[in-house]
Amino acid sequence: MTLLKRNGSLLNPFPVLFDDFVNRDLFNWGNLNFSDTNTSIPAVNIKETAEHYEVAVAAPGMTKKDFTIELNGNVLTISSERNDQKEVTEEERYFRKEFSYQSFRRTFTLQKDVVDIDRIEARYENGLLQLLIPKKEEAKQKPPRLITVS
């Protein structure tokens, strides 16, 4: 994909929508935010600090019961499956009914020699699933120190 600078000029002969369509990388569907089943995959931010890694998964409208977080060896898997189907009585007649079904699965490989897999914490608040993955003491960045010359 080519990065283009837009100057917002009214003299641009092509509309922005057309510009976006032409400049998409049509052969790299993996860059899109959709899975193979055309369901949305939540965006993930991973931040590193001196003490830990912070993983934030954007999943609004869910509850903490909707998530399954599994650690198998050094593979961390975050998944969710939610099916919002309501009970239908025989008196109800539908001309069109769209079921609400959401599921996703994200997998991350952790470095066993860097992270403390026994102290991983997770919480869900305001549409954001947050995982705190602490680093092992030996992997934490040490503060700078002066070395004297002898």
C-alpha atoms as a PDB file:
ATOM      1  CA  MET A   1       0.000   0.000   0.000  1.00  0.00           C
ATOM      2  CA  THR A   2       1.289   3.457  -0.844  1.00  0.00           C
ATOM      3  CA  LEU A   3       1.090   6.272   1.682  1.00  0.00           C
ATOM      4  CA  LEU A   4      -0.264   9.460   0.197  1.00  0.00           C
ATOM      5  CA  LYS A   5      -0.371  12.915   1.724  1.00  0.00           C
ATOM      6  CA  ARG A   6      -3.712  14.671   1.363  1.00  0.00           C
ATOM      7  CA  ASN A   7      -3.716  18.427   1.403  1.00  0.00           C
ATOM      8  CA  GLY A   8      -7.495  18.852   1.684  1.00  0.00           C
ATOM      9  CA  SER A   9      -7.625  21.028  -1.400  1.00  0.00           C
ATOM     10  CA  LEU A  10     -10.979  21.577  -3.086  1.00  0.00           C
ATOM     11  CA  LEU A  11      -9.195  21.335  -6.428  1.00  0.00           C
ATOM     12  CA  ASN A  12      -8.704  17.595  -6.066  1.00  0.00           C
ATOM     13  CA  PRO A  13     -10.586  16.116  -9.056  1.00  0.00           C
ATOM     14  CA  PHE A  14     -11.267  12.723  -7.378  1.00  0.00           C
ATOM     15  CA  PRO A  15     -13.442  12.295  -4.329  1.00  0.00           C
ATOM     16  CA  VAL A  16     -11.885  10.896  -1.184  1.00  0.00           C
ATOM     17  CA  LEU A  17     -13.991   7.727  -1.377  1.00  0.00           C
ATOM     18  CA  PHE A  18     -12.628   6.925  -4.828  1.00  0.00           C
ATOM     19  CA  ASP A  19      -9.085   7.688  -3.645  1.00  0.00           C
ATOM     20  CA  ASP A  20      -9.444   5.254  -0.727  1.00  0.00           C
ATOM     21  CA  PHE A  21     -10.865   2.524  -2.976  1.00  0.00           C
ATOM     22  CA  VAL A  22      -8.048   2.800  -5.549  1.00  0.00           C
ATOM     23  CA  ASN A  23      -5.259   2.900  -2.971  1.00  0.00           C
ATOM     24  CA  ARG A  24      -6.334  -0.175  -0.992  1.00  0.00           C
ATOM     25  CA  ASP A  25      -4.153  -3.242  -1.169  1.00  0.00           C
ATOM     26  CA  LEU A  26      -6.750  -5.562  -2.677  1.00  0.00           C
ATOM     27  CA  PHE A  27      -4.548  -8.660  -2.545  1.00  0.00           C
ATOM     28  CA  ASN A  28      -3.679  -8.491   1.152  1.00  0.00           C
ATOM     29  CA  TRP A  29      -6.956  -9.226   2.929  1.00  0.00           C
ATOM     30  CA  GLY A  30      -5.042 -10.105   6.110  1.00  0.00           C
ATOM     31  CA  ASN A  31      -4.588  -6.409   6.834  1.00  0.00           C
ATOM     32  CA  LEU A  32      -8.329  -5.933   7.247  1.00  0.00           C
ATOM     33  CA  ASN A  33     -10.020  -6.182  10.619  1.00  0.00           C
ATOM     34  CA  PHE A  34     -12.110  -9.227   9.657  1.00  0.00           C
ATOM     35  CA  SER A  35     -11.669 -12.946  10.164  1.00  0.00           C
ATOM     36  CA  ASP A  36     -12.157 -15.706   7.600  1.00  0.00           C
ATOM     37  CA  THR A  37     -15.825 -15.881   8.589  1.00  0.00           C
ATOM     38  CA  ASN A  38     -16.380 -12.136   7.988  1.00  0.00           C
ATOM     39  CA  THR A  39     -16.808 -11.444  11.699  1.00  0.00           C
ATOM     40  CA  SER A  40     -15.065  -8.482  13.238  1.00  0.00           C
ATOM     41  CA  ILE A  41     -11.830  -9.071  15.122  1.00  0.00           C
ATOM     42  CA  PRO A  42     -11.269  -6.643  18.001  1.00  0.00           C
ATOM     43  CA  ALA A  43      -8.312  -4.309  17.679  1.00  0.00           C
ATOM     44  CA  VAL A  44      -5.439  -4.955  20.084  1.00  0.00           C
ATOM     45  CA  ASN A  45      -2.837  -2.555  21.491  1.00  0.00           C
ATOM     46  CA  ILE A  46       0.296  -3.952  23.138  1.00  0.00           C
ATOM     47  CA  LYS A  47       2.457  -1.593  25.178  1.00  0.00           C
ATOM     48  CA  GLU A  48       5.763  -2.378  26.867  1.00  0.00           C
ATOM     49  CA  THR A  49       6.935  -0.665  30.025  1.00  0.00           C
ATOM     50  CA  ALA A  50      10.018  -1.366  32.116  1.00  0.00           C
ATOM     51  CA  GLU A  51       7.951  -3.573  34.463  1.00  0.00           C
ATOM     52  CA  HIS A  52       5.386  -5.320  32.248  1.00  0.00           C
ATOM     53  CA  TYR A  53       3.462  -5.624  28.993  1.00  0.00           C
ATOM     54  CA  GLU A  54      -0.064  -4.209  28.723  1.00  0.00           C
ATOM     55  CA  VAL A  55      -2.460  -5.821  26.251  1.00  0.00           C
ATOM     56  CA  ALA A  56      -5.698  -3.915  25.547  1.00  0.00           C
ATOM     57  CA  VAL A  57      -8.469  -5.523  23.493  1.00  0.00           C
ATOM     58  CA  ALA A  58     -11.293  -3.250  22.264  1.00  0.00           C
ATOM     59  CA  ALA A  59     -14.491  -5.250  22.827  1.00  0.00           C
ATOM     60  CA  PRO A  60     -17.413  -2.929  23.610  1.00  0.00           C
ATOM     61  CA  GLY A  61     -20.806  -4.325  24.511  1.00  0.00           C
ATOM     62  CA  MET A  62     -19.454  -7.501  26.070  1.00  0.00           C
ATOM     63  CA  THR A  63     -19.213  -8.654  29.663  1.00  0.00           C
ATOM     64  CA  LYS A  64     -16.298 -10.288  31.439  1.00  0.00           C
ATOM     65  CA  LYS A  65     -18.180 -13.612  31.276  1.00  0.00           C
ATOM     66  CA  ASP A  66     -17.984 -13.488  27.455  1.00  0.00           C
ATOM     67  CA  PHE A  67     -14.180 -13.944  27.422  1.00  0.00           C
ATOM     68  CA  THR A  68     -12.024 -17.033  27.682  1.00  0.00           C
ATOM     69  CA  ILE A  69      -8.339 -16.401  28.342  1.00  0.00           C
ATOM     70  CA  GLU A  70      -6.183 -19.508  28.119  1.00  0.00           C
ATOM     71  CA  LEU A  71      -2.460 -19.985  28.626  1.00  0.00           C
ATOM     72  CA  ASN A  72      -1.103 -23.188  27.087  1.00  0.00           C
ATOM     73  CA  GLY A  73       2.650 -23.324  27.573  1.00  0.00           C
ATOM     74  CA  ASN A  74       3.794 -19.968  26.229  1.00  0.00           C
ATOM     75  CA  VAL A  75       0.761 -19.416  23.938  1.00  0.00           C
ATOM     76  CA  LEU A  76      -1.814 -16.943  25.253  1.00  0.00           C
ATOM     77  CA  THR A  77      -5.248 -17.176  23.591  1.00  0.00           C
ATOM     78  CA  ILE A  78      -8.009 -14.617  24.078  1.00  0.00           C
ATOM     79  CA  SER A  79     -11.358 -15.720  22.681  1.00  0.00           C
ATOM     80  CA  SER A  80     -15.029 -14.931  22.950  1.00  0.00           C
ATOM     81  CA  GLU A  81     -18.226 -16.485  21.723  1.00  0.00           C
ATOM     82  CA  ARG A  82     -21.554 -14.780  22.181  1.00  0.00           C
ATOM     83  CA  ASN A  83     -24.910 -15.724  20.712  1.00  0.00           C
ATOM     84  CA  ASP A  84     -27.783 -13.268  21.262  1.00  0.00           C
ATOM     85  CA  GLN A  85     -30.805 -15.280  20.181  1.00  0.00           C
ATOM     86  CA  LYS A  86     -34.102 -14.568  21.871  1.00  0.00           C
ATOM     87  CA  GLU A  87     -36.843 -17.103  22.495  1.00  0.00           C
ATOM     88  CA  VAL A  88     -39.405 -17.094  19.667  1.00  0.00           C
ATOM     89  CA  THR A  89     -43.033 -18.008  20.209  1.00  0.00           C
ATOM     90  CA  GLU A  90     -45.323 -19.572  17.596  1.00  0.00           C
ATOM     91  CA  GLU A  91     -47.467 -16.404  17.371  1.00  0.00           C
ATOM     92  CA  GLU A  92     -44.523 -14.366  16.136  1.00  0.00           C
ATOM     93  CA  ARG A  93     -43.995 -14.147  12.417  1.00  0.00           C
ATOM     94  CA  TYR A  94     -40.762 -12.807  10.956  1.00  0.00           C
ATOM     95  CA  PHE A  95     -40.272 -11.424   7.488  1.00  0.00           C
ATOM     96  CA  ARG A  96     -36.623 -10.891   8.223  1.00  0.00           C
ATOM     97  CA  LYS A  97     -34.576 -11.721  11.275  1.00  0.00           C
ATOM     98  CA  GLU A  98     -30.855 -11.169  11.572  1.00  0.00           C
ATOM     99  CA  PHE A  99     -29.237 -13.168  14.311  1.00  0.00           C
ATOM    100  CA  SER A 100     -26.546 -11.565  16.395  1.00  0.00           C
ATOM    101  CA  TYR A 101     -23.588 -13.891  16.744  1.00  0.00           C
ATOM    102  CA  GLN A 102     -20.085 -12.797  17.575  1.00  0.00           C
ATOM    103  CA  SER A 103     -16.922 -14.752  18.116  1.00  0.00           C
ATOM    104  CA  PHE A 104     -13.220 -14.090  17.858  1.00  0.00           C
ATOM    105  CA  ARG A 105      -9.927 -15.688  18.757  1.00  0.00           C
ATOM    106  CA  ARG A 106      -6.568 -13.916  19.128  1.00  0.00           C
ATOM    107  CA  THR A 107      -3.375 -15.828  19.887  1.00  0.00           C
ATOM    108  CA  PHE A 108      -0.074 -14.443  21.137  1.00  0.00           C
ATOM    109  CA  THR A 109       3.219 -16.222  21.767  1.00  0.00           C
ATOM    110  CA  LEU A 110       4.915 -15.145  25.000  1.00  0.00           C
ATOM    111  CA  GLN A 111       8.649 -15.367  25.636  1.00  0.00           C
ATOM    112  CA  LYS A 112       8.972 -17.651  28.661  1.00  0.00           C
ATOM    113  CA  ASP A 113      12.362 -16.237  29.608  1.00  0.00           C
ATOM    114  CA  VAL A 114      10.984 -12.654  29.630  1.00  0.00           C
ATOM    115  CA  VAL A 115       7.469 -12.778  31.134  1.00  0.00           C
ATOM    116  CA  ASP A 116       6.232 -14.136  34.452  1.00  0.00           C
ATOM    117  CA  ILE A 117       3.360 -16.302  33.187  1.00  0.00           C
ATOM    118  CA  ASP A 118       2.194 -17.148  36.727  1.00  0.00           C
ATOM    119  CA  ARG A 119       1.267 -13.522  37.527  1.00  0.00           C
ATOM    120  CA  ILE A 120      -0.786 -12.523  34.449  1.00  0.00           C
ATOM    121  CA  GLU A 121      -3.861 -10.474  35.406  1.00  0.00           C
ATOM    122  CA  ALA A 122      -6.960  -9.568  33.360  1.00  0.00           C
ATOM    123  CA  ARG A 123      -9.849  -7.161  33.856  1.00  0.00           C
ATOM    124  CA  TYR A 124     -12.716  -5.875  31.704  1.00  0.00           C
ATOM    125  CA  GLU A 125     -13.984  -2.326  32.110  1.00  0.00           C
ATOM    126  CA  ASN A 126     -15.791   0.147  29.832  1.00  0.00           C
ATOM    127  CA  GLY A 127     -15.522  -2.008  26.705  1.00  0.00           C
ATOM    128  CA  LEU A 128     -11.802  -2.695  27.140  1.00  0.00           C
ATOM    129  CA  LEU A 129     -10.280  -6.038  28.117  1.00  0.00           C
ATOM    130  CA  GLN A 130      -6.890  -5.341  29.697  1.00  0.00           C
ATOM    131  CA  LEU A 131      -4.207  -7.889  30.449  1.00  0.00           C
ATOM    132  CA  LEU A 132      -1.174  -7.088  32.550  1.00  0.00           C
ATOM    133  CA  ILE A 133       1.744  -9.412  31.799  1.00  0.00           C
ATOM    134  CA  PRO A 134       4.594  -8.791  34.260  1.00  0.00           C
ATOM    135  CA  LYS A 135       8.221  -9.246  33.271  1.00  0.00           C
ATOM    136  CA  LYS A 136      10.589 -11.486  35.194  1.00  0.00           C
ATOM    137  CA  GLU A 137      13.049  -9.635  37.417  1.00  0.00           C
ATOM    138  CA  GLU A 138      16.025 -10.625  35.262  1.00  0.00           C
ATOM    139  CA  ALA A 139      14.271  -9.325  32.121  1.00  0.00           C
ATOM    140  CA  LYS A 140      13.374  -5.893  33.521  1.00  0.00           C
ATOM    141  CA  GLN A 141      15.391  -3.000  32.192  1.00  0.00           C
ATOM    142  CA  LYS A 142      17.879  -1.828  34.760  1.00  0.00           C
ATOM    143  CA  PRO A 143      18.277   1.900  35.403  1.00  0.00           C
ATOM    144  CA  PRO A 144      21.419   3.492  33.988  1.00  0.00           C
ATOM    145  CA  ARG A 145      24.457   3.421  36.249  1.00  0.00           C
ATOM    146  CA  LEU A 146      27.923   4.878  36.124  1.00  0.00           C
ATOM    147  CA  ILE A 147      30.869   2.573  35.786  1.00  0.00           C
ATOM    148  CA  THR A 148      34.132   3.839  37.202  1.00  0.00           C
ATOM    149  CA  VAL A 149      37.329   3.372  35.329  1.00  0.00           C
ATOM    150  CA  SER A 150      40.129   1.784  37.371  1.00  0.00           C
END
